[in-house]
Amino acid sequence: MADKVRQRIEAFNEILEQFNFAYRIDIVDPKTLKPADKNARFMSGQMFEQLVSNIKRDGGPTAAPFCWRDVKGIYHILSGHHRVDAAAAAG
């Protein structure tokens, strides 16, 4: 399954390149993403546990976090800190 997902993502990225789109979709381990120094959003413990449960049930978050990769190859989270934390907690 993971190989098919990666193939679809690469095919999608090739289409984006044809239109000179500056962004790419990548699959990365959520534990490797660097969070922002401050996250303006708050989520209660109960809501976070529900998000973890949903990710376990669904196999991943329903919406992808938005990140940027610096020149050293490190991904920084712009949006989706709770989803990243919950995905890491869900394994």
PDB file of N, CA and C in Angstrom:
ATOM      1  N   MET A   1       0.827  -1.194   0.000  1.00  0.00           N
ATOM      2  CA  MET A   1       0.000   0.000   0.000  1.00  0.00           C
ATOM      3  C   MET A   1       0.872   1.259   0.000  1.00  0.00           C
ATOM      4  N   ALA A   2       1.897   1.279   0.835  1.00  0.00           N
ATOM      5  CA  ALA A   2       2.751   2.465   0.920  1.00  0.00           C
ATOM      6  C   ALA A   2       3.425   2.753  -0.416  1.00  0.00           C
ATOM      7  N   ASP A   3       3.829   1.707  -1.141  1.00  0.00           N
ATOM      8  CA  ASP A   3       4.463   1.911  -2.443  1.00  0.00           C
ATOM      9  C   ASP A   3       3.498   2.544  -3.435  1.00  0.00           C
ATOM     10  N   LYS A   4       2.243   2.101  -3.411  1.00  0.00           N
ATOM     11  CA  LYS A   4       1.243   2.684  -4.316  1.00  0.00           C
ATOM     12  C   LYS A   4       0.995   4.150  -3.985  1.00  0.00           C
ATOM     13  N   VAL A   5       0.959   4.470  -2.709  1.00  0.00           N
ATOM     14  CA  VAL A   5       0.755   5.862  -2.295  1.00  0.00           C
ATOM     15  C   VAL A   5       1.927   6.703  -2.769  1.00  0.00           C
ATOM     16  N   ARG A   6       3.133   6.215  -2.568  1.00  0.00           N
ATOM     17  CA  ARG A   6       4.321   6.958  -3.011  1.00  0.00           C
ATOM     18  C   ARG A   6       4.311   7.155  -4.532  1.00  0.00           C
ATOM     19  N   GLN A   7       3.904   6.138  -5.277  1.00  0.00           N
ATOM     20  CA  GLN A   7       3.831   6.253  -6.737  1.00  0.00           C
ATOM     21  C   GLN A   7       2.821   7.320  -7.138  1.00  0.00           C
ATOM     22  N   ARG A   8       1.676   7.336  -6.477  1.00  0.00           N
ATOM     23  CA  ARG A   8       0.653   8.344  -6.789  1.00  0.00           C
ATOM     24  C   ARG A   8       1.144   9.749  -6.469  1.00  0.00           C
ATOM     25  N   ILE A   9       1.838   9.876  -5.357  1.00  0.00           N
ATOM     26  CA  ILE A   9       2.365  11.188  -4.973  1.00  0.00           C
ATOM     27  C   ILE A   9       3.401  11.650  -5.983  1.00  0.00           C
ATOM     28  N   GLU A  10       4.285  10.769  -6.396  1.00  0.00           N
ATOM     29  CA  GLU A  10       5.294  11.155  -7.393  1.00  0.00           C
ATOM     30  C   GLU A  10       4.635  11.539  -8.720  1.00  0.00           C
ATOM     31  N   ALA A  11       3.611  10.806  -9.127  1.00  0.00           N
ATOM     32  CA  ALA A  11       2.891  11.152 -10.353  1.00  0.00           C
ATOM     33  C   ALA A  11       2.244  12.529 -10.219  1.00  0.00           C
ATOM     34  N   PHE A  12       1.666  12.799  -9.056  1.00  0.00           N
ATOM     35  CA  PHE A  12       1.052  14.104  -8.808  1.00  0.00           C
ATOM     36  C   PHE A  12       2.110  15.199  -8.830  1.00  0.00           C
ATOM     37  N   ASN A  13       3.260  14.957  -8.212  1.00  0.00           N
ATOM     38  CA  ASN A  13       4.339  15.945  -8.215  1.00  0.00           C
ATOM     39  C   ASN A  13       4.836  16.228  -9.627  1.00  0.00           C
ATOM     40  N   GLU A  14       4.860  15.221 -10.489  1.00  0.00           N
ATOM     41  CA  GLU A  14       5.258  15.430 -11.890  1.00  0.00           C
ATOM     42  C   GLU A  14       4.268  16.358 -12.597  1.00  0.00           C
ATOM     43  N   ILE A  15       2.992  16.190 -12.308  1.00  0.00           N
ATOM     44  CA  ILE A  15       1.979  17.074 -12.887  1.00  0.00           C
ATOM     45  C   ILE A  15       2.192  18.505 -12.386  1.00  0.00           C
ATOM     46  N   LEU A  16       2.465  18.643 -11.089  1.00  0.00           N
ATOM     47  CA  LEU A  16       2.709  19.979 -10.537  1.00  0.00           C
ATOM     48  C   LEU A  16       3.899  20.646 -11.208  1.00  0.00           C
ATOM     49  N   GLU A  17       4.950  19.882 -11.474  1.00  0.00           N
ATOM     50  CA  GLU A  17       6.139  20.423 -12.133  1.00  0.00           C
ATOM     51  C   GLU A  17       5.811  20.928 -13.532  1.00  0.00           C
ATOM     52  N   GLN A  18       4.919  20.244 -14.246  1.00  0.00           N
ATOM     53  CA  GLN A  18       4.548  20.661 -15.597  1.00  0.00           C
ATOM     54  C   GLN A  18       3.928  22.056 -15.593  1.00  0.00           C
ATOM     55  N   PHE A  19       3.300  22.412 -14.483  1.00  0.00           N
ATOM     56  CA  PHE A  19       2.665  23.722 -14.366  1.00  0.00           C
ATOM     57  C   PHE A  19       3.531  24.702 -13.581  1.00  0.00           C
ATOM     58  N   ASN A  20       4.817  24.347 -13.409  1.00  0.00           N
ATOM     59  CA  ASN A  20       5.771  25.186 -12.672  1.00  0.00           C
ATOM     60  C   ASN A  20       5.285  25.528 -11.273  1.00  0.00           C
ATOM     61  N   PHE A  21       4.582  24.595 -10.668  1.00  0.00           N
ATOM     62  CA  PHE A  21       4.089  24.776  -9.302  1.00  0.00           C
ATOM     63  C   PHE A  21       5.257  24.617  -8.343  1.00  0.00           C
ATOM     64  N   ALA A  22       5.412  25.540  -7.415  1.00  0.00           N
ATOM     65  CA  ALA A  22       6.600  25.578  -6.553  1.00  0.00           C
ATOM     66  C   ALA A  22       6.571  24.564  -5.412  1.00  0.00           C
ATOM     67  N   TYR A  23       5.438  23.945  -5.153  1.00  0.00           N
ATOM     68  CA  TYR A  23       5.320  23.049  -4.006  1.00  0.00           C
ATOM     69  C   TYR A  23       5.339  21.592  -4.429  1.00  0.00           C
ATOM     70  N   ARG A  24       5.743  20.741  -3.479  1.00  0.00           N
ATOM     71  CA  ARG A  24       5.734  19.292  -3.677  1.00  0.00           C
ATOM     72  C   ARG A  24       5.052  18.644  -2.484  1.00  0.00           C
ATOM     73  N   ILE A  25       4.588  17.435  -2.700  1.00  0.00           N
ATOM     74  CA  ILE A  25       4.032  16.640  -1.613  1.00  0.00           C
ATOM     75  C   ILE A  25       5.060  15.566  -1.279  1.00  0.00           C
ATOM     76  N   ASP A  26       5.367  15.433   0.001  1.00  0.00           N
ATOM     77  CA  ASP A  26       6.302  14.415   0.467  1.00  0.00           C
ATOM     78  C   ASP A  26       5.690  13.670   1.640  1.00  0.00           C
ATOM     79  N   ILE A  27       6.116  12.446   1.830  1.00  0.00           N
ATOM     80  CA  ILE A  27       5.742  11.676   3.003  1.00  0.00           C
ATOM     81  C   ILE A  27       6.962  11.635   3.910  1.00  0.00           C
ATOM     82  N   VAL A  28       6.787  12.113   5.128  1.00  0.00           N
ATOM     83  CA  VAL A  28       7.888  12.131   6.088  1.00  0.00           C
ATOM     84  C   VAL A  28       7.383  11.649   7.450  1.00  0.00           C
ATOM     85  N   ASP A  29       8.300  11.186   8.259  1.00  0.00           N
ATOM     86  CA  ASP A  29       7.984  10.766   9.617  1.00  0.00           C
ATOM     87  C   ASP A  29       7.611  12.009  10.417  1.00  0.00           C
ATOM     88  N   PRO A  30       6.426  12.042  11.032  1.00  0.00           N
ATOM     89  CA  PRO A  30       6.021  13.245  11.770  1.00  0.00           C
ATOM     90  C   PRO A  30       6.983  13.598  12.905  1.00  0.00           C
ATOM     91  N   LYS A  31       7.722  12.612  13.406  1.00  0.00           N
ATOM     92  CA  LYS A  31       8.661  12.875  14.494  1.00  0.00           C
ATOM     93  C   LYS A  31       9.863  13.695  14.031  1.00  0.00           C
ATOM     94  N   THR A  32      10.069  13.782  12.713  1.00  0.00           N
ATOM     95  CA  THR A  32      11.214  14.538  12.188  1.00  0.00           C
ATOM     96  C   THR A  32      10.877  15.989  11.882  1.00  0.00           C
ATOM     97  N   LEU A  33       9.606  16.346  11.957  1.00  0.00           N
ATOM     98  CA  LEU A  33       9.185  17.716  11.640  1.00  0.00           C
ATOM     99  C   LEU A  33       9.500  18.653  12.795  1.00  0.00           C
ATOM    100  N   LYS A  34      10.010  19.823  12.468  1.00  0.00           N
ATOM    101  CA  LYS A  34      10.368  20.811  13.488  1.00  0.00           C
ATOM    102  C   LYS A  34       9.187  21.756  13.704  1.00  0.00           C
ATOM    103  N   PRO A  35       8.669  21.806  14.926  1.00  0.00           N
ATOM    104  CA  PRO A  35       7.547  22.716  15.186  1.00  0.00           C
ATOM    105  C   PRO A  35       8.004  24.165  15.249  1.00  0.00           C
ATOM    106  N   ALA A  36       7.064  25.058  15.062  1.00  0.00           N
ATOM    107  CA  ALA A  36       7.342  26.483  15.226  1.00  0.00           C
ATOM    108  C   ALA A  36       7.608  26.752  16.700  1.00  0.00           C
ATOM    109  N   ASP A  37       8.344  27.792  16.979  1.00  0.00           N
ATOM    110  CA  ASP A  37       8.651  28.130  18.367  1.00  0.00           C
ATOM    111  C   ASP A  37       7.393  28.408  19.178  1.00  0.00           C
ATOM    112  N   LYS A  38       6.392  29.016  18.527  1.00  0.00           N
ATOM    113  CA  LYS A  38       5.120  29.300  19.200  1.00  0.00           C
ATOM    114  C   LYS A  38       3.985  28.817  18.318  1.00  0.00           C
ATOM    115  N   ASN A  39       3.023  28.145  18.938  1.00  0.00           N
ATOM    116  CA  ASN A  39       1.818  27.723  18.233  1.00  0.00           C
ATOM    117  C   ASN A  39       0.653  28.504  18.827  1.00  0.00           C
ATOM    118  N   ALA A  40      -0.002  29.280  18.008  1.00  0.00           N
ATOM    119  CA  ALA A  40      -1.070  30.158  18.489  1.00  0.00           C
ATOM    120  C   ALA A  40      -2.333  29.390  18.869  1.00  0.00           C
ATOM    121  N   ARG A  41      -2.439  28.149  18.477  1.00  0.00           N
ATOM    122  CA  ARG A  41      -3.654  27.376  18.725  1.00  0.00           C
ATOM    123  C   ARG A  41      -3.543  26.547  20.008  1.00  0.00           C
ATOM    124  N   PHE A  42      -4.688  26.265  20.618  1.00  0.00           N
ATOM    125  CA  PHE A  42      -4.751  25.434  21.813  1.00  0.00           C
ATOM    126  C   PHE A  42      -5.742  24.310  21.557  1.00  0.00           C
ATOM    127  N   MET A  43      -5.426  23.116  22.046  1.00  0.00           N
ATOM    128  CA  MET A  43      -6.331  21.986  21.935  1.00  0.00           C
ATOM    129  C   MET A  43      -6.370  21.294  23.291  1.00  0.00           C
ATOM    130  N   SER A  44      -7.567  21.049  23.793  1.00  0.00           N
ATOM    131  CA  SER A  44      -7.693  20.378  25.087  1.00  0.00           C
ATOM    132  C   SER A  44      -7.167  18.948  24.986  1.00  0.00           C
ATOM    133  N   GLY A  45      -6.811  18.381  26.116  1.00  0.00           N
ATOM    134  CA  GLY A  45      -6.324  17.003  26.152  1.00  0.00           C
ATOM    135  C   GLY A  45      -7.329  16.016  25.586  1.00  0.00           C
ATOM    136  N   GLN A  46      -8.602  16.228  25.882  1.00  0.00           N
ATOM    137  CA  GLN A  46      -9.659  15.341  25.385  1.00  0.00           C
ATOM    138  C   GLN A  46      -9.758  15.410  23.863  1.00  0.00           C
ATOM    139  N   MET A  47      -9.688  16.620  23.320  1.00  0.00           N
ATOM    140  CA  MET A  47      -9.745  16.770  21.864  1.00  0.00           C
ATOM    141  C   MET A  47      -8.521  16.137  21.207  1.00  0.00           C
ATOM    142  N   PHE A  48      -7.349  16.293  21.840  1.00  0.00           N
ATOM    143  CA  PHE A  48      -6.128  15.711  21.297  1.00  0.00           C
ATOM    144  C   PHE A  48      -6.233  14.186  21.279  1.00  0.00           C
ATOM    145  N   GLU A  49      -6.718  13.600  22.360  1.00  0.00           N
ATOM    146  CA  GLU A  49      -6.870  12.139  22.418  1.00  0.00           C
ATOM    147  C   GLU A  49      -7.858  11.652  21.351  1.00  0.00           C
ATOM    148  N   GLN A  50      -8.905  12.424  21.081  1.00  0.00           N
ATOM    149  CA  GLN A  50      -9.858  12.066  20.021  1.00  0.00           C
ATOM    150  C   GLN A  50      -9.171  12.118  18.664  1.00  0.00           C
ATOM    151  N   LEU A  51      -8.323  13.117  18.455  1.00  0.00           N
ATOM    152  CA  LEU A  51      -7.579  13.224  17.205  1.00  0.00           C
ATOM    153  C   LEU A  51      -6.634  12.035  17.036  1.00  0.00           C
ATOM    154  N   VAL A  52      -5.939  11.657  18.100  1.00  0.00           N
ATOM    155  CA  VAL A  52      -5.064  10.476  18.058  1.00  0.00           C
ATOM    156  C   VAL A  52      -5.884   9.241  17.697  1.00  0.00           C
ATOM    157  N   SER A  53      -7.034   9.083  18.328  1.00  0.00           N
ATOM    158  CA  SER A  53      -7.913   7.939  18.058  1.00  0.00           C
ATOM    159  C   SER A  53      -8.377   7.929  16.602  1.00  0.00           C
ATOM    160  N   ASN A  54      -8.754   9.087  16.081  1.00  0.00           N
ATOM    161  CA  ASN A  54      -9.192   9.187  14.683  1.00  0.00           C
ATOM    162  C   ASN A  54      -8.067   8.813  13.725  1.00  0.00           C
ATOM    163  N   ILE A  55      -6.851   9.256  14.019  1.00  0.00           N
ATOM    164  CA  ILE A  55      -5.717   8.949  13.150  1.00  0.00           C
ATOM    165  C   ILE A  55      -5.412   7.463  13.181  1.00  0.00           C
ATOM    166  N   LYS A  56      -5.490   6.849  14.352  1.00  0.00           N
ATOM    167  CA  LYS A  56      -5.288   5.396  14.440  1.00  0.00           C
ATOM    168  C   LYS A  56      -6.341   4.658  13.619  1.00  0.00           C
ATOM    169  N   ARG A  57      -7.588   5.103  13.740  1.00  0.00           N
ATOM    170  CA  ARG A  57      -8.688   4.467  13.021  1.00  0.00           C
ATOM    171  C   ARG A  57      -8.554   4.643  11.503  1.00  0.00           C
ATOM    172  N   ASP A  58      -8.196   5.855  11.080  1.00  0.00           N
ATOM    173  CA  ASP A  58      -8.162   6.185   9.656  1.00  0.00           C
ATOM    174  C   ASP A  58      -6.827   5.872   8.986  1.00  0.00           C
ATOM    175  N   GLY A  59      -5.786   5.640   9.770  1.00  0.00           N
ATOM    176  CA  GLY A  59      -4.472   5.362   9.204  1.00  0.00           C
ATOM    177  C   GLY A  59      -3.659   6.609   8.909  1.00  0.00           C
ATOM    178  N   GLY A  60      -4.168   7.775   9.275  1.00  0.00           N
ATOM    179  CA  GLY A  60      -3.462   9.032   9.059  1.00  0.00           C
ATOM    180  C   GLY A  60      -4.416  10.182   9.259  1.00  0.00           C
ATOM    181  N   PRO A  61      -3.884  11.398   9.327  1.00  0.00           N
ATOM    182  CA  PRO A  61      -4.759  12.565   9.479  1.00  0.00           C
ATOM    183  C   PRO A  61      -5.565  12.789   8.203  1.00  0.00           C
ATOM    184  N   THR A  62      -6.753  13.360   8.347  1.00  0.00           N
ATOM    185  CA  THR A  62      -7.606  13.587   7.178  1.00  0.00           C
ATOM    186  C   THR A  62      -7.132  14.779   6.356  1.00  0.00           C
ATOM    187  N   ALA A  63      -6.332  15.651   6.960  1.00  0.00           N
ATOM    188  CA  ALA A  63      -5.759  16.782   6.246  1.00  0.00           C
ATOM    189  C   ALA A  63      -4.257  16.805   6.527  1.00  0.00           C
ATOM    190  N   ALA A  64      -3.494  17.049   5.501  1.00  0.00           N
ATOM    191  CA  ALA A  64      -2.037  17.057   5.647  1.00  0.00           C
ATOM    192  C   ALA A  64      -1.573  18.367   6.275  1.00  0.00           C
ATOM    193  N   PRO A  65      -0.559  18.302   7.122  1.00  0.00           N
ATOM    194  CA  PRO A  65       0.013  19.541   7.627  1.00  0.00           C
ATOM    195  C   PRO A  65       0.765  20.257   6.507  1.00  0.00           C
ATOM    196  N   PHE A  66       0.929  21.542   6.652  1.00  0.00           N
ATOM    197  CA  PHE A  66       1.659  22.333   5.662  1.00  0.00           C
ATOM    198  C   PHE A  66       3.019  22.666   6.248  1.00  0.00           C
ATOM    199  N   CYS A  67       4.069  22.242   5.558  1.00  0.00           N
ATOM    200  CA  CYS A  67       5.436  22.419   6.045  1.00  0.00           C
ATOM    201  C   CYS A  67       6.312  22.997   4.944  1.00  0.00           C
ATOM    202  N   TRP A  68       7.468  23.511   5.338  1.00  0.00           N
ATOM    203  CA  TRP A  68       8.462  23.961   4.359  1.00  0.00           C
ATOM    204  C   TRP A  68       9.793  23.315   4.713  1.00  0.00           C
ATOM    205  N   ARG A  69      10.595  23.086   3.692  1.00  0.00           N
ATOM    206  CA  ARG A  69      11.891  22.436   3.874  1.00  0.00           C
ATOM    207  C   ARG A  69      12.993  23.460   3.674  1.00  0.00           C
ATOM    208  N   ASP A  70      13.886  23.555   4.658  1.00  0.00           N
ATOM    209  CA  ASP A  70      14.978  24.517   4.549  1.00  0.00           C
ATOM    210  C   ASP A  70      16.131  23.932   3.723  1.00  0.00           C
ATOM    211  N   VAL A  71      17.185  24.704   3.541  1.00  0.00           N
ATOM    212  CA  VAL A  71      18.298  24.276   2.688  1.00  0.00           C
ATOM    213  C   VAL A  71      19.035  23.072   3.261  1.00  0.00           C
ATOM    214  N   LYS A  72      18.883  22.817   4.545  1.00  0.00           N
ATOM    215  CA  LYS A  72      19.507  21.646   5.173  1.00  0.00           C
ATOM    216  C   LYS A  72      18.624  20.404   5.076  1.00  0.00           C
ATOM    217  N   GLY A  73      17.426  20.563   4.497  1.00  0.00           N
ATOM    218  CA  GLY A  73      16.508  19.439   4.340  1.00  0.00           C
ATOM    219  C   GLY A  73      15.602  19.205   5.531  1.00  0.00           C
ATOM    220  N   ILE A  74      15.581  20.148   6.462  1.00  0.00           N
ATOM    221  CA  ILE A  74      14.726  20.023   7.643  1.00  0.00           C
ATOM    222  C   ILE A  74      13.349  20.602   7.324  1.00  0.00           C
ATOM    223  N   TYR A  75      12.305  19.837   7.656  1.00  0.00           N
ATOM    224  CA  TYR A  75      10.932  20.283   7.445  1.00  0.00           C
ATOM    225  C   TYR A  75      10.440  21.037   8.684  1.00  0.00           C
ATOM    226  N   HIS A  76       9.864  22.221   8.465  1.00  0.00           N
ATOM    227  CA  HIS A  76       9.332  23.061   9.533  1.00  0.00           C
ATOM    228  C   HIS A  76       7.819  23.132   9.371  1.00  0.00           C
ATOM    229  N   ILE A  77       7.099  22.955  10.461  1.00  0.00           N
ATOM    230  CA  ILE A  77       5.637  22.982  10.417  1.00  0.00           C
ATOM    231  C   ILE A  77       5.142  24.425  10.369  1.00  0.00           C
ATOM    232  N   LEU A  78       4.336  24.726   9.381  1.00  0.00           N
ATOM    233  CA  LEU A  78       3.663  26.028   9.316  1.00  0.00           C
ATOM    234  C   LEU A  78       2.245  25.915   9.869  1.00  0.00           C
ATOM    235  N   SER A  79       1.577  24.841   9.503  1.00  0.00           N
ATOM    236  CA  SER A  79       0.196  24.631   9.918  1.00  0.00           C
ATOM    237  C   SER A  79      -0.016  23.137  10.140  1.00  0.00           C
ATOM    238  N   GLY A  80      -0.643  22.793  11.254  1.00  0.00           N
ATOM    239  CA  GLY A  80      -0.943  21.393  11.518  1.00  0.00           C
ATOM    240  C   GLY A  80      -0.157  20.799  12.672  1.00  0.00           C
ATOM    241  N   HIS A  81       0.252  21.633  13.611  1.00  0.00           N
ATOM    242  CA  HIS A  81       1.042  21.147  14.747  1.00  0.00           C
ATOM    243  C   HIS A  81       0.325  20.029  15.515  1.00  0.00           C
ATOM    244  N   HIS A  82      -0.960  20.203  15.767  1.00  0.00           N
ATOM    245  CA  HIS A  82      -1.698  19.183  16.517  1.00  0.00           C
ATOM    246  C   HIS A  82      -1.805  17.885  15.719  1.00  0.00           C
ATOM    247  N   ARG A  83      -2.020  18.009  14.413  1.00  0.00           N
ATOM    248  CA  ARG A  83      -2.098  16.801  13.579  1.00  0.00           C
ATOM    249  C   ARG A  83      -0.775  16.051  13.581  1.00  0.00           C
ATOM    250  N   VAL A  84       0.330  16.793  13.513  1.00  0.00           N
ATOM    251  CA  VAL A  84       1.658  16.169  13.530  1.00  0.00           C
ATOM    252  C   VAL A  84       1.884  15.471  14.871  1.00  0.00           C
ATOM    253  N   ASP A  85       1.597  16.163  15.976  1.00  0.00           N
ATOM    254  CA  ASP A  85       1.780  15.564  17.294  1.00  0.00           C
ATOM    255  C   ASP A  85       0.891  14.334  17.476  1.00  0.00           C
ATOM    256  N   ALA A  86      -0.332  14.428  17.009  1.00  0.00           N
ATOM    257  CA  ALA A  86      -1.257  13.303  17.149  1.00  0.00           C
ATOM    258  C   ALA A  86      -0.825  12.123  16.271  1.00  0.00           C
ATOM    259  N   ALA A  87      -0.340  12.407  15.082  1.00  0.00           N
ATOM    260  CA  ALA A  87       0.153  11.326  14.203  1.00  0.00           C
ATOM    261  C   ALA A  87       1.345  10.620  14.839  1.00  0.00           C
ATOM    262  N   ALA A  88       2.243  11.393  15.431  1.00  0.00           N
ATOM    263  CA  ALA A  88       3.387  10.800  16.120  1.00  0.00           C
ATOM    264  C   ALA A  88       2.924   9.955  17.298  1.00  0.00           C
ATOM    265  N   ALA A  89       1.950  10.469  18.059  1.00  0.00           N
ATOM    266  CA  ALA A  89       1.423   9.735  19.210  1.00  0.00           C
ATOM    267  C   ALA A  89       0.679   8.470  18.778  1.00  0.00           C
ATOM    268  N   ALA A  90       0.063   8.524  17.599  1.00  0.00           N
ATOM    269  CA  ALA A  90      -0.688   7.367  17.092  1.00  0.00           C
ATOM    270  C   ALA A  90       0.234   6.291  16.524  1.00  0.00           C
ATOM    271  N   GLY A  91       1.485   6.674  16.308  1.00  0.00           N
ATOM    272  CA  GLY A  91       2.432   5.695  15.769  1.00  0.00           C
ATOM    273  C   GLY A  91       2.389   5.633  14.263  1.00  0.00           C
TER     274      GLY A  91
END
